[in-house]
């Protein structure tokens, strides 16, 4: 058999199987970070209410709930955050863009509003 003994063929076969399994074997799976849990829809609605109550002219507030909303929750009973973009008119009738950050820590909501 091509000048090799049976022992050499067996050794080469075993070595081939070991190398083949080492190359193709799926090693240890790296733990993936869990996706942050979203805030509840009630918290998102509460944030929208807080935005409207904090505006000088609540009737001029235009919320961007579909594209400008982000939320997450840290831990099962952790702090929920809701970010929401909105536009509102000031006393001069100029439309300004804002971003609100509502924090729900232990059920007590707070809001921070900044220019966008």
PDB file of N, CA and C in Angstrom:
ATOM      1  N   UNK A   1       0.830  -1.172   0.000  1.00  0.00           N
ATOM      2  CA  UNK A   1       0.000   0.000   0.000  1.00  0.00           C
ATOM      3  C   UNK A   1       0.881   1.243   0.000  1.00  0.00           C
ATOM      4  N   UNK A   2       1.331   1.615  -1.118  1.00  0.00           N
ATOM      5  CA  UNK A   2       2.127   2.807  -1.333  1.00  0.00           C
ATOM      6  C   UNK A   2       3.351   2.890  -0.417  1.00  0.00           C
ATOM      7  N   UNK A   3       3.864   1.798   0.024  1.00  0.00           N
ATOM      8  CA  UNK A   3       5.094   1.771   0.787  1.00  0.00           C
ATOM      9  C   UNK A   3       4.958   2.097   2.268  1.00  0.00           C
ATOM     10  N   UNK A   4       3.739   2.228   2.793  1.00  0.00           N
ATOM     11  CA  UNK A   4       3.550   2.510   4.214  1.00  0.00           C
ATOM     12  C   UNK A   4       2.981   1.280   4.896  1.00  0.00           C
ATOM     13  N   UNK A   5       3.323   1.088   6.158  1.00  0.00           N
ATOM     14  CA  UNK A   5       2.806  -0.053   6.902  1.00  0.00           C
ATOM     15  C   UNK A   5       1.406   0.264   7.423  1.00  0.00           C
ATOM     16  N   UNK A   6       0.724  -0.794   7.894  1.00  0.00           N
ATOM     17  CA  UNK A   6      -0.621  -0.606   8.444  1.00  0.00           C
ATOM     18  C   UNK A   6      -0.600   0.345   9.644  1.00  0.00           C
ATOM     19  N   UNK A   7       0.400   0.288  10.475  1.00  0.00           N
ATOM     20  CA  UNK A   7       0.498   1.144  11.660  1.00  0.00           C
ATOM     21  C   UNK A   7       0.604   2.611  11.245  1.00  0.00           C
ATOM     22  N   UNK A   8       1.381   2.874  10.174  1.00  0.00           N
ATOM     23  CA  UNK A   8       1.509   4.251   9.712  1.00  0.00           C
ATOM     24  C   UNK A   8       0.179   4.772   9.151  1.00  0.00           C
ATOM     25  N   UNK A   9      -0.557   3.911   8.437  1.00  0.00           N
ATOM     26  CA  UNK A   9      -1.863   4.299   7.906  1.00  0.00           C
ATOM     27  C   UNK A   9      -2.858   4.559   9.042  1.00  0.00           C
ATOM     28  N   UNK A  10      -2.833   3.719  10.050  1.00  0.00           N
ATOM     29  CA  UNK A  10      -3.735   3.906  11.191  1.00  0.00           C
ATOM     30  C   UNK A  10      -3.382   5.188  11.927  1.00  0.00           C
ATOM     31  N   UNK A  11      -2.084   5.427  12.145  1.00  0.00           N
ATOM     32  CA  UNK A  11      -1.654   6.660  12.812  1.00  0.00           C
ATOM     33  C   UNK A  11      -2.073   7.894  11.997  1.00  0.00           C
ATOM     34  N   UNK A  12      -1.876   7.851  10.691  1.00  0.00           N
ATOM     35  CA  UNK A  12      -2.255   8.971   9.828  1.00  0.00           C
ATOM     36  C   UNK A  12      -3.772   9.182   9.850  1.00  0.00           C
ATOM     37  N   UNK A  13      -4.559   8.098   9.882  1.00  0.00           N
ATOM     38  CA  UNK A  13      -6.024   8.212   9.949  1.00  0.00           C
ATOM     39  C   UNK A  13      -6.477   8.847  11.251  1.00  0.00           C
ATOM     40  N   UNK A  14      -5.886   8.380  12.361  1.00  0.00           N
ATOM     41  CA  UNK A  14      -6.251   8.943  13.667  1.00  0.00           C
ATOM     42  C   UNK A  14      -5.858  10.414  13.729  1.00  0.00           C
ATOM     43  N   UNK A  15      -4.655  10.733  13.261  1.00  0.00           N
ATOM     44  CA  UNK A  15      -4.198  12.123  13.247  1.00  0.00           C
ATOM     45  C   UNK A  15      -5.112  12.982  12.368  1.00  0.00           C
ATOM     46  N   UNK A  16      -5.544  12.449  11.227  1.00  0.00           N
ATOM     47  CA  UNK A  16      -6.456  13.178  10.342  1.00  0.00           C
ATOM     48  C   UNK A  16      -7.794  13.451  11.000  1.00  0.00           C
ATOM     49  N   UNK A  17      -8.350  12.448  11.698  1.00  0.00           N
ATOM     50  CA  UNK A  17      -9.632  12.630  12.387  1.00  0.00           C
ATOM     51  C   UNK A  17      -9.499  13.662  13.506  1.00  0.00           C
ATOM     52  N   UNK A  18      -8.411  13.613  14.249  1.00  0.00           N
ATOM     53  CA  UNK A  18      -8.196  14.566  15.335  1.00  0.00           C
ATOM     54  C   UNK A  18      -8.072  15.985  14.780  1.00  0.00           C
ATOM     55  N   UNK A  19      -7.275  16.172  13.739  1.00  0.00           N
ATOM     56  CA  UNK A  19      -7.117  17.503  13.155  1.00  0.00           C
ATOM     57  C   UNK A  19      -8.427  18.000  12.539  1.00  0.00           C
ATOM     58  N   UNK A  20      -9.134  17.103  11.851  1.00  0.00           N
ATOM     59  CA  UNK A  20     -10.405  17.472  11.234  1.00  0.00           C
ATOM     60  C   UNK A  20     -11.413  17.907  12.298  1.00  0.00           C
ATOM     61  N   UNK A  21     -11.514  17.141  13.394  1.00  0.00           N
ATOM     62  CA  UNK A  21     -12.464  17.503  14.447  1.00  0.00           C
ATOM     63  C   UNK A  21     -12.015  18.763  15.185  1.00  0.00           C
ATOM     64  N   UNK A  22     -10.716  18.972  15.336  1.00  0.00           N
ATOM     65  CA  UNK A  22     -10.225  20.173  16.010  1.00  0.00           C
ATOM     66  C   UNK A  22     -10.525  21.424  15.191  1.00  0.00           C
ATOM     67  N   UNK A  23     -10.407  21.330  13.878  1.00  0.00           N
ATOM     68  CA  UNK A  23     -10.657  22.475  13.014  1.00  0.00           C
ATOM     69  C   UNK A  23     -12.151  22.783  12.928  1.00  0.00           C
ATOM     70  N   UNK A  24     -12.983  21.786  12.798  1.00  0.00           N
ATOM     71  CA  UNK A  24     -14.407  21.999  12.583  1.00  0.00           C
ATOM     72  C   UNK A  24     -15.247  21.979  13.857  1.00  0.00           C
ATOM     73  N   UNK A  25     -14.671  21.608  14.969  1.00  0.00           N
ATOM     74  CA  UNK A  25     -15.444  21.506  16.206  1.00  0.00           C
ATOM     75  C   UNK A  25     -15.830  22.898  16.691  1.00  0.00           C
ATOM     76  N   UNK A  26     -17.114  23.107  16.964  1.00  0.00           N
ATOM     77  CA  UNK A  26     -17.504  24.430  17.477  1.00  0.00           C
ATOM     78  C   UNK A  26     -17.029  24.575  18.909  1.00  0.00           C
ATOM     79  N   UNK A  27     -16.079  25.435  19.112  1.00  0.00           N
ATOM     80  CA  UNK A  27     -15.492  25.618  20.447  1.00  0.00           C
ATOM     81  C   UNK A  27     -16.503  26.133  21.448  1.00  0.00           C
ATOM     82  N   UNK A  28     -16.004  26.663  22.510  1.00  0.00           N
ATOM     83  CA  UNK A  28     -16.881  27.191  23.551  1.00  0.00           C
ATOM     84  C   UNK A  28     -17.699  28.351  23.004  1.00  0.00           C
ATOM     85  N   UNK A  29     -18.957  28.320  23.298  1.00  0.00           N
ATOM     86  CA  UNK A  29     -19.808  29.416  22.871  1.00  0.00           C
ATOM     87  C   UNK A  29     -19.636  30.576  23.836  1.00  0.00           C
ATOM     88  N   UNK A  30     -19.426  31.743  23.265  1.00  0.00           N
ATOM     89  CA  UNK A  30     -19.290  32.927  24.089  1.00  0.00           C
ATOM     90  C   UNK A  30     -20.670  33.365  24.542  1.00  0.00           C
ATOM     91  N   UNK A  31     -20.810  33.668  25.806  1.00  0.00           N
ATOM     92  CA  UNK A  31     -22.134  34.106  26.264  1.00  0.00           C
ATOM     93  C   UNK A  31     -22.495  35.439  25.632  1.00  0.00           C
ATOM     94  N   UNK A  32     -23.703  35.507  25.136  1.00  0.00           N
ATOM     95  CA  UNK A  32     -24.161  36.756  24.532  1.00  0.00           C
ATOM     96  C   UNK A  32     -24.847  37.594  25.597  1.00  0.00           C
ATOM     97  N   UNK A  33     -24.700  38.888  25.463  1.00  0.00           N
ATOM     98  CA  UNK A  33     -25.342  39.776  26.420  1.00  0.00           C
ATOM     99  C   UNK A  33     -26.836  39.793  26.141  1.00  0.00           C
ATOM    100  N   UNK A  34     -27.646  39.701  27.181  1.00  0.00           N
ATOM    101  CA  UNK A  34     -29.086  39.736  26.947  1.00  0.00           C
ATOM    102  C   UNK A  34     -29.515  41.109  26.459  1.00  0.00           C
ATOM    103  N   UNK A  35     -30.508  41.108  25.584  1.00  0.00           N
ATOM    104  CA  UNK A  35     -31.037  42.380  25.103  1.00  0.00           C
ATOM    105  C   UNK A  35     -31.770  43.057  26.246  1.00  0.00           C
ATOM    106  N   UNK A  36     -31.622  44.363  26.326  1.00  0.00           N
ATOM    107  CA  UNK A  36     -32.319  45.054  27.417  1.00  0.00           C
ATOM    108  C   UNK A  36     -33.829  44.922  27.241  1.00  0.00           C
ATOM    109  N   UNK A  37     -34.482  44.681  28.344  1.00  0.00           N
ATOM    110  CA  UNK A  37     -35.931  44.554  28.331  1.00  0.00           C
ATOM    111  C   UNK A  37     -36.543  45.927  28.119  1.00  0.00           C
ATOM    112  N   UNK A  38     -37.580  45.979  27.319  1.00  0.00           N
ATOM    113  CA  UNK A  38     -38.221  47.256  27.019  1.00  0.00           C
ATOM    114  C   UNK A  38     -39.102  47.699  28.179  1.00  0.00           C
ATOM    115  N   UNK A  39     -39.245  49.006  28.296  1.00  0.00           N
ATOM    116  CA  UNK A  39     -40.169  49.564  29.281  1.00  0.00           C
ATOM    117  C   UNK A  39     -41.588  49.201  28.858  1.00  0.00           C
ATOM    118  N   UNK A  40     -42.481  49.223  29.797  1.00  0.00           N
ATOM    119  CA  UNK A  40     -43.860  48.836  29.492  1.00  0.00           C
ATOM    120  C   UNK A  40     -44.558  49.927  28.682  1.00  0.00           C
ATOM    121  N   UNK A  41     -45.615  49.557  28.008  1.00  0.00           N
ATOM    122  CA  UNK A  41     -46.368  50.541  27.225  1.00  0.00           C
ATOM    123  C   UNK A  41     -47.017  51.571  28.146  1.00  0.00           C
ATOM    124  N   UNK A  42     -47.349  51.177  29.376  1.00  0.00           N
ATOM    125  CA  UNK A  42     -47.907  52.132  30.339  1.00  0.00           C
ATOM    126  C   UNK A  42     -46.876  53.202  30.677  1.00  0.00           C
ATOM    127  N   UNK A  43     -45.607  52.812  30.798  1.00  0.00           N
ATOM    128  CA  UNK A  43     -44.557  53.786  31.091  1.00  0.00           C
ATOM    129  C   UNK A  43     -44.332  54.720  29.900  1.00  0.00           C
ATOM    130  N   UNK A  44     -44.435  54.199  28.692  1.00  0.00           N
ATOM    131  CA  UNK A  44     -44.296  55.037  27.505  1.00  0.00           C
ATOM    132  C   UNK A  44     -45.440  56.044  27.441  1.00  0.00           C
ATOM    133  N   UNK A  45     -46.655  55.595  27.747  1.00  0.00           N
ATOM    134  CA  UNK A  45     -47.804  56.506  27.750  1.00  0.00           C
ATOM    135  C   UNK A  45     -47.670  57.543  28.863  1.00  0.00           C
ATOM    136  N   UNK A  46     -47.159  57.119  30.025  1.00  0.00           N
ATOM    137  CA  UNK A  46     -46.956  58.048  31.137  1.00  0.00           C
ATOM    138  C   UNK A  46     -45.917  59.106  30.760  1.00  0.00           C
ATOM    139  N   UNK A  47     -44.886  58.711  30.030  1.00  0.00           N
ATOM    140  CA  UNK A  47     -43.877  59.661  29.578  1.00  0.00           C
ATOM    141  C   UNK A  47     -44.507  60.686  28.630  1.00  0.00           C
ATOM    142  N   UNK A  48     -45.374  60.228  27.740  1.00  0.00           N
ATOM    143  CA  UNK A  48     -46.062  61.153  26.829  1.00  0.00           C
ATOM    144  C   UNK A  48     -46.909  62.147  27.624  1.00  0.00           C
ATOM    145  N   UNK A  49     -47.573  61.665  28.678  1.00  0.00           N
ATOM    146  CA  UNK A  49     -48.361  62.563  29.532  1.00  0.00           C
ATOM    147  C   UNK A  49     -47.475  63.583  30.234  1.00  0.00           C
ATOM    148  N   UNK A  50     -46.328  63.125  30.747  1.00  0.00           N
ATOM    149  CA  UNK A  50     -45.400  64.028  31.434  1.00  0.00           C
ATOM    150  C   UNK A  50     -44.889  65.113  30.484  1.00  0.00           C
ATOM    151  N   UNK A  51     -44.643  64.742  29.234  1.00  0.00           N
ATOM    152  CA  UNK A  51     -44.180  65.720  28.247  1.00  0.00           C
ATOM    153  C   UNK A  51     -45.253  66.778  28.036  1.00  0.00           C
ATOM    154  N   UNK A  52     -46.476  66.335  27.851  1.00  0.00           N
ATOM    155  CA  UNK A  52     -47.557  67.289  27.573  1.00  0.00           C
ATOM    156  C   UNK A  52     -47.835  68.196  28.773  1.00  0.00           C
ATOM    157  N   UNK A  53     -47.729  67.664  29.982  1.00  0.00           N
ATOM    158  CA  UNK A  53     -47.994  68.498  31.158  1.00  0.00           C
ATOM    159  C   UNK A  53     -46.851  69.469  31.435  1.00  0.00           C
ATOM    160  N   UNK A  54     -45.639  69.142  30.981  1.00  0.00           N
ATOM    161  CA  UNK A  54     -44.503  70.025  31.244  1.00  0.00           C
ATOM    162  C   UNK A  54     -44.364  71.106  30.170  1.00  0.00           C
ATOM    163  N   UNK A  55     -45.077  70.981  29.065  1.00  0.00           N
ATOM    164  CA  UNK A  55     -44.974  71.978  27.988  1.00  0.00           C
ATOM    165  C   UNK A  55     -45.768  73.229  28.338  1.00  0.00           C
ATOM    166  N   UNK A  56     -45.278  74.373  27.872  1.00  0.00           N
ATOM    167  CA  UNK A  56     -45.989  75.631  28.092  1.00  0.00           C
ATOM    168  C   UNK A  56     -47.308  75.657  27.333  1.00  0.00           C
ATOM    169  N   UNK A  57     -47.290  75.148  26.118  1.00  0.00           N
ATOM    170  CA  UNK A  57     -48.492  75.071  25.291  1.00  0.00           C
ATOM    171  C   UNK A  57     -48.731  73.601  24.932  1.00  0.00           C
ATOM    172  N   UNK A  58     -49.399  72.836  25.798  1.00  0.00           N
ATOM    173  CA  UNK A  58     -49.551  71.401  25.566  1.00  0.00           C
ATOM    174  C   UNK A  58     -50.247  71.056  24.249  1.00  0.00           C
ATOM    175  N   UNK A  59     -51.082  71.950  23.753  1.00  0.00           N
ATOM    176  CA  UNK A  59     -51.795  71.647  22.513  1.00  0.00           C
ATOM    177  C   UNK A  59     -50.866  71.672  21.301  1.00  0.00           C
ATOM    178  N   UNK A  60     -49.686  72.258  21.438  1.00  0.00           N
ATOM    179  CA  UNK A  60     -48.757  72.330  20.306  1.00  0.00           C
ATOM    180  C   UNK A  60     -47.753  71.183  20.294  1.00  0.00           C
ATOM    181  N   UNK A  61     -47.808  70.300  21.267  1.00  0.00           N
ATOM    182  CA  UNK A  61     -46.837  69.205  21.358  1.00  0.00           C
ATOM    183  C   UNK A  61     -47.155  68.146  20.310  1.00  0.00           C
ATOM    184  N   UNK A  62     -46.132  67.787  19.531  1.00  0.00           N
ATOM    185  CA  UNK A  62     -46.246  66.714  18.540  1.00  0.00           C
ATOM    186  C   UNK A  62     -45.222  65.653  18.919  1.00  0.00           C
ATOM    187  N   UNK A  63     -45.703  64.501  19.376  1.00  0.00           N
ATOM    188  CA  UNK A  63     -44.813  63.416  19.804  1.00  0.00           C
ATOM    189  C   UNK A  63     -44.453  62.538  18.617  1.00  0.00           C
ATOM    190  N   UNK A  64     -43.236  62.054  18.620  1.00  0.00           N
ATOM    191  CA  UNK A  64     -42.783  61.114  17.583  1.00  0.00           C
ATOM    192  C   UNK A  64     -42.654  59.743  18.243  1.00  0.00           C
ATOM    193  N   UNK A  65     -43.794  59.138  18.524  1.00  0.00           N
ATOM    194  CA  UNK A  65     -43.792  57.896  19.289  1.00  0.00           C
ATOM    195  C   UNK A  65     -43.241  56.717  18.502  1.00  0.00           C
ATOM    196  N   UNK A  66     -43.451  56.696  17.189  1.00  0.00           N
ATOM    197  CA  UNK A  66     -43.026  55.526  16.427  1.00  0.00           C
ATOM    198  C   UNK A  66     -41.534  55.546  16.119  1.00  0.00           C
ATOM    199  N   UNK A  67     -41.014  56.671  15.665  1.00  0.00           N
ATOM    200  CA  UNK A  67     -39.608  56.699  15.269  1.00  0.00           C
ATOM    201  C   UNK A  67     -38.695  57.289  16.328  1.00  0.00           C
ATOM    202  N   UNK A  68     -39.223  58.080  17.239  1.00  0.00           N
ATOM    203  CA  UNK A  68     -38.360  58.763  18.196  1.00  0.00           C
ATOM    204  C   UNK A  68     -38.436  58.219  19.599  1.00  0.00           C
ATOM    205  N   UNK A  69     -38.931  56.998  19.759  1.00  0.00           N
ATOM    206  CA  UNK A  69     -39.081  56.443  21.101  1.00  0.00           C
ATOM    207  C   UNK A  69     -38.105  55.288  21.296  1.00  0.00           C
ATOM    208  N   UNK A  70     -37.410  55.303  22.410  1.00  0.00           N
ATOM    209  CA  UNK A  70     -36.542  54.191  22.789  1.00  0.00           C
ATOM    210  C   UNK A  70     -36.766  53.935  24.271  1.00  0.00           C
ATOM    211  N   UNK A  71     -36.686  52.691  24.659  1.00  0.00           N
ATOM    212  CA  UNK A  71     -36.897  52.389  26.073  1.00  0.00           C
ATOM    213  C   UNK A  71     -36.081  51.169  26.465  1.00  0.00           C
ATOM    214  N   UNK A  72     -35.770  51.091  27.729  1.00  0.00           N
ATOM    215  CA  UNK A  72     -35.108  49.901  28.259  1.00  0.00           C
ATOM    216  C   UNK A  72     -35.365  49.809  29.757  1.00  0.00           C
ATOM    217  N   UNK A  73     -35.063  48.654  30.299  1.00  0.00           N
ATOM    218  CA  UNK A  73     -35.260  48.397  31.718  1.00  0.00           C
ATOM    219  C   UNK A  73     -34.026  47.650  32.206  1.00  0.00           C
ATOM    220  N   UNK A  74     -33.461  48.122  33.292  1.00  0.00           N
ATOM    221  CA  UNK A  74     -32.284  47.464  33.862  1.00  0.00           C
ATOM    222  C   UNK A  74     -32.741  46.515  34.958  1.00  0.00           C
ATOM    223  N   UNK A  75     -32.649  45.245  34.698  1.00  0.00           N
ATOM    224  CA  UNK A  75     -33.035  44.251  35.688  1.00  0.00           C
ATOM    225  C   UNK A  75     -34.533  44.062  35.734  1.00  0.00           C
ATOM    226  N   UNK A  76     -34.993  43.018  36.425  1.00  0.00           N
ATOM    227  CA  UNK A  76     -36.421  42.719  36.453  1.00  0.00           C
ATOM    228  C   UNK A  76     -37.253  43.810  37.109  1.00  0.00           C
ATOM    229  N   UNK A  77     -36.725  44.462  38.119  1.00  0.00           N
ATOM    230  CA  UNK A  77     -37.460  45.551  38.751  1.00  0.00           C
ATOM    231  C   UNK A  77     -36.589  46.793  38.828  1.00  0.00           C
ATOM    232  N   UNK A  78     -35.769  46.958  37.808  1.00  0.00           N
ATOM    233  CA  UNK A  78     -34.838  48.075  37.794  1.00  0.00           C
ATOM    234  C   UNK A  78     -35.445  49.338  37.243  1.00  0.00           C
ATOM    235  N   UNK A  79     -34.593  50.283  36.985  1.00  0.00           N
ATOM    236  CA  UNK A  79     -35.020  51.579  36.480  1.00  0.00           C
ATOM    237  C   UNK A  79     -35.403  51.475  35.016  1.00  0.00           C
ATOM    238  N   UNK A  80     -36.573  51.986  34.676  1.00  0.00           N
ATOM    239  CA  UNK A  80     -36.994  52.051  33.279  1.00  0.00           C
ATOM    240  C   UNK A  80     -36.692  53.434  32.751  1.00  0.00           C
ATOM    241  N   UNK A  81     -36.231  53.479  31.495  1.00  0.00           N
ATOM    242  CA  UNK A  81     -35.974  54.752  30.836  1.00  0.00           C
ATOM    243  C   UNK A  81     -36.762  54.789  29.541  1.00  0.00           C
ATOM    244  N   UNK A  82     -37.354  55.933  29.259  1.00  0.00           N
ATOM    245  CA  UNK A  82     -38.054  56.124  27.997  1.00  0.00           C
ATOM    246  C   UNK A  82     -37.556  57.429  27.404  1.00  0.00           C
ATOM    247  N   UNK A  83     -37.016  57.351  26.190  1.00  0.00           N
ATOM    248  CA  UNK A  83     -36.598  58.551  25.461  1.00  0.00           C
ATOM    249  C   UNK A  83     -37.626  58.800  24.373  1.00  0.00           C
ATOM    250  N   UNK A  84     -38.025  60.043  24.233  1.00  0.00           N
ATOM    251  CA  UNK A  84     -39.029  60.356  23.231  1.00  0.00           C
ATOM    252  C   UNK A  84     -38.731  61.719  22.621  1.00  0.00           C
ATOM    253  N   UNK A  85     -38.740  61.771  21.289  1.00  0.00           N
ATOM    254  CA  UNK A  85     -38.565  63.035  20.583  1.00  0.00           C
ATOM    255  C   UNK A  85     -39.918  63.706  20.427  1.00  0.00           C
ATOM    256  N   UNK A  86     -39.903  65.038  20.502  1.00  0.00           N
ATOM    257  CA  UNK A  86     -41.148  65.772  20.282  1.00  0.00           C
ATOM    258  C   UNK A  86     -40.840  67.188  19.829  1.00  0.00           C
ATOM    259  N   UNK A  87     -41.857  67.826  19.304  1.00  0.00           N
ATOM    260  CA  UNK A  87     -41.762  69.214  18.883  1.00  0.00           C
ATOM    261  C   UNK A  87     -42.865  69.988  19.578  1.00  0.00           C
ATOM    262  N   UNK A  88     -42.580  71.227  19.915  1.00  0.00           N
ATOM    263  CA  UNK A  88     -43.576  72.092  20.559  1.00  0.00           C
ATOM    264  C   UNK A  88     -43.300  73.530  20.170  1.00  0.00           C
ATOM    265  N   UNK A  89     -44.349  74.329  20.192  1.00  0.00           N
ATOM    266  CA  UNK A  89     -44.196  75.744  19.871  1.00  0.00           C
ATOM    267  C   UNK A  89     -43.965  76.531  21.157  1.00  0.00           C
ATOM    268  N   UNK A  90     -43.109  77.527  21.044  1.00  0.00           N
ATOM    269  CA  UNK A  90     -42.864  78.383  22.198  1.00  0.00           C
ATOM    270  C   UNK A  90     -43.863  79.544  22.205  1.00  0.00           C
ATOM    271  N   UNK A  91     -43.681  80.476  23.107  1.00  0.00           N
ATOM    272  CA  UNK A  91     -44.611  81.608  23.256  1.00  0.00           C
ATOM    273  C   UNK A  91     -44.659  82.492  22.007  1.00  0.00           C
ATOM    274  N   UNK A  92     -43.594  82.464  21.196  1.00  0.00           N
ATOM    275  CA  UNK A  92     -43.556  83.278  19.977  1.00  0.00           C
ATOM    276  C   UNK A  92     -44.104  82.533  18.763  1.00  0.00           C
ATOM    277  N   UNK A  93     -44.533  81.295  18.962  1.00  0.00           N
ATOM    278  CA  UNK A  93     -45.083  80.504  17.864  1.00  0.00           C
ATOM    279  C   UNK A  93     -44.041  79.750  17.056  1.00  0.00           C
ATOM    280  N   UNK A  94     -42.787  79.783  17.496  1.00  0.00           N
ATOM    281  CA  UNK A  94     -41.735  79.048  16.799  1.00  0.00           C
ATOM    282  C   UNK A  94     -41.748  77.590  17.231  1.00  0.00           C
ATOM    283  N   UNK A  95     -41.628  76.692  16.266  1.00  0.00           N
ATOM    284  CA  UNK A  95     -41.626  75.260  16.590  1.00  0.00           C
ATOM    285  C   UNK A  95     -40.201  74.819  16.908  1.00  0.00           C
ATOM    286  N   UNK A  96     -40.010  74.264  18.076  1.00  0.00           N
ATOM    287  CA  UNK A  96     -38.703  73.818  18.545  1.00  0.00           C
ATOM    288  C   UNK A  96     -38.706  72.311  18.725  1.00  0.00           C
ATOM    289  N   UNK A  97     -37.526  71.697  18.530  1.00  0.00           N
ATOM    290  CA  UNK A  97     -37.381  70.241  18.660  1.00  0.00           C
ATOM    291  C   UNK A  97     -36.746  69.908  20.004  1.00  0.00           C
ATOM    292  N   UNK A  98     -37.301  68.919  20.670  1.00  0.00           N
ATOM    293  CA  UNK A  98     -36.826  68.510  21.987  1.00  0.00           C
ATOM    294  C   UNK A  98     -36.710  66.992  22.070  1.00  0.00           C
ATOM    295  N   UNK A  99     -35.996  66.549  23.083  1.00  0.00           N
ATOM    296  CA  UNK A  99     -35.949  65.135  23.438  1.00  0.00           C
ATOM    297  C   UNK A  99     -36.193  65.034  24.932  1.00  0.00           C
ATOM    298  N   UNK A 100     -37.102  64.155  25.313  1.00  0.00           N
ATOM    299  CA  UNK A 100     -37.411  63.953  26.731  1.00  0.00           C
ATOM    300  C   UNK A 100     -36.856  62.611  27.176  1.00  0.00           C
ATOM    301  N   UNK A 101     -36.385  62.566  28.390  1.00  0.00           N
ATOM    302  CA  UNK A 101     -35.927  61.329  29.015  1.00  0.00           C
ATOM    303  C   UNK A 101     -36.728  61.159  30.289  1.00  0.00           C
ATOM    304  N   UNK A 102     -37.571  60.153  30.306  1.00  0.00           N
ATOM    305  CA  UNK A 102     -38.388  59.859  31.488  1.00  0.00           C
ATOM    306  C   UNK A 102     -37.744  58.700  32.228  1.00  0.00           C
ATOM    307  N   UNK A 103     -37.545  58.870  33.506  1.00  0.00           N
ATOM    308  CA  UNK A 103     -36.986  57.818  34.354  1.00  0.00           C
ATOM    309  C   UNK A 103     -38.053  57.340  35.323  1.00  0.00           C
ATOM    310  N   UNK A 104     -38.202  56.025  35.417  1.00  0.00           N
ATOM    311  CA  UNK A 104     -39.179  55.437  36.323  1.00  0.00           C
ATOM    312  C   UNK A 104     -38.438  54.580  37.332  1.00  0.00           C
ATOM    313  N   UNK A 105     -37.989  55.199  38.409  1.00  0.00           N
ATOM    314  CA  UNK A 105     -37.268  54.500  39.461  1.00  0.00           C
ATOM    315  C   UNK A 105     -38.205  54.294  40.636  1.00  0.00           C
ATOM    316  N   UNK A 106     -38.443  53.046  40.966  1.00  0.00           N
ATOM    317  CA  UNK A 106     -39.320  52.678  42.088  1.00  0.00           C
ATOM    318  C   UNK A 106     -40.688  53.332  41.948  1.00  0.00           C
ATOM    319  N   UNK A 107     -41.189  53.408  40.701  1.00  0.00           N
ATOM    320  CA  UNK A 107     -42.531  53.909  40.465  1.00  0.00           C
ATOM    321  C   UNK A 107     -42.673  55.415  40.478  1.00  0.00           C
ATOM    322  N   UNK A 108     -41.593  56.136  40.744  1.00  0.00           N
ATOM    323  CA  UNK A 108     -41.673  57.597  40.792  1.00  0.00           C
ATOM    324  C   UNK A 108     -41.106  58.143  39.484  1.00  0.00           C
ATOM    325  N   UNK A 109     -41.964  58.662  38.595  1.00  0.00           N
ATOM    326  CA  UNK A 109     -41.446  59.149  37.320  1.00  0.00           C
ATOM    327  C   UNK A 109     -40.810  60.526  37.441  1.00  0.00           C
ATOM    328  N   UNK A 110     -39.767  60.741  36.684  1.00  0.00           N
ATOM    329  CA  UNK A 110     -39.159  62.061  36.587  1.00  0.00           C
ATOM    330  C   UNK A 110     -38.850  62.296  35.105  1.00  0.00           C
ATOM    331  N   UNK A 111     -38.737  63.554  34.722  1.00  0.00           N
ATOM    332  CA  UNK A 111     -38.535  63.859  33.314  1.00  0.00           C
ATOM    333  C   UNK A 111     -37.427  64.887  33.170  1.00  0.00           C
ATOM    334  N   UNK A 112     -36.620  64.705  32.124  1.00  0.00           N
ATOM    335  CA  UNK A 112     -35.571  65.644  31.765  1.00  0.00           C
ATOM    336  C   UNK A 112     -35.779  65.989  30.299  1.00  0.00           C
ATOM    337  N   UNK A 113     -35.846  67.255  30.001  1.00  0.00           N
ATOM    338  CA  UNK A 113     -36.081  67.690  28.625  1.00  0.00           C
ATOM    339  C   UNK A 113     -34.879  68.480  28.142  1.00  0.00           C
ATOM    340  N   UNK A 114     -34.405  68.146  26.933  1.00  0.00           N
ATOM    341  CA  UNK A 114     -33.279  68.846  26.350  1.00  0.00           C
ATOM    342  C   UNK A 114     -33.588  69.176  24.887  1.00  0.00           C
ATOM    343  N   UNK A 115     -32.862  70.148  24.365  1.00  0.00           N
ATOM    344  CA  UNK A 115     -33.004  70.507  22.959  1.00  0.00           C
ATOM    345  C   UNK A 115     -32.445  69.399  22.084  1.00  0.00           C
ATOM    346  N   UNK A 116     -33.005  69.262  20.923  1.00  0.00           N
ATOM    347  CA  UNK A 116     -32.536  68.240  19.990  1.00  0.00           C
ATOM    348  C   UNK A 116     -31.845  68.907  18.834  1.00  0.00           C
TER     349      UNK A 116
END
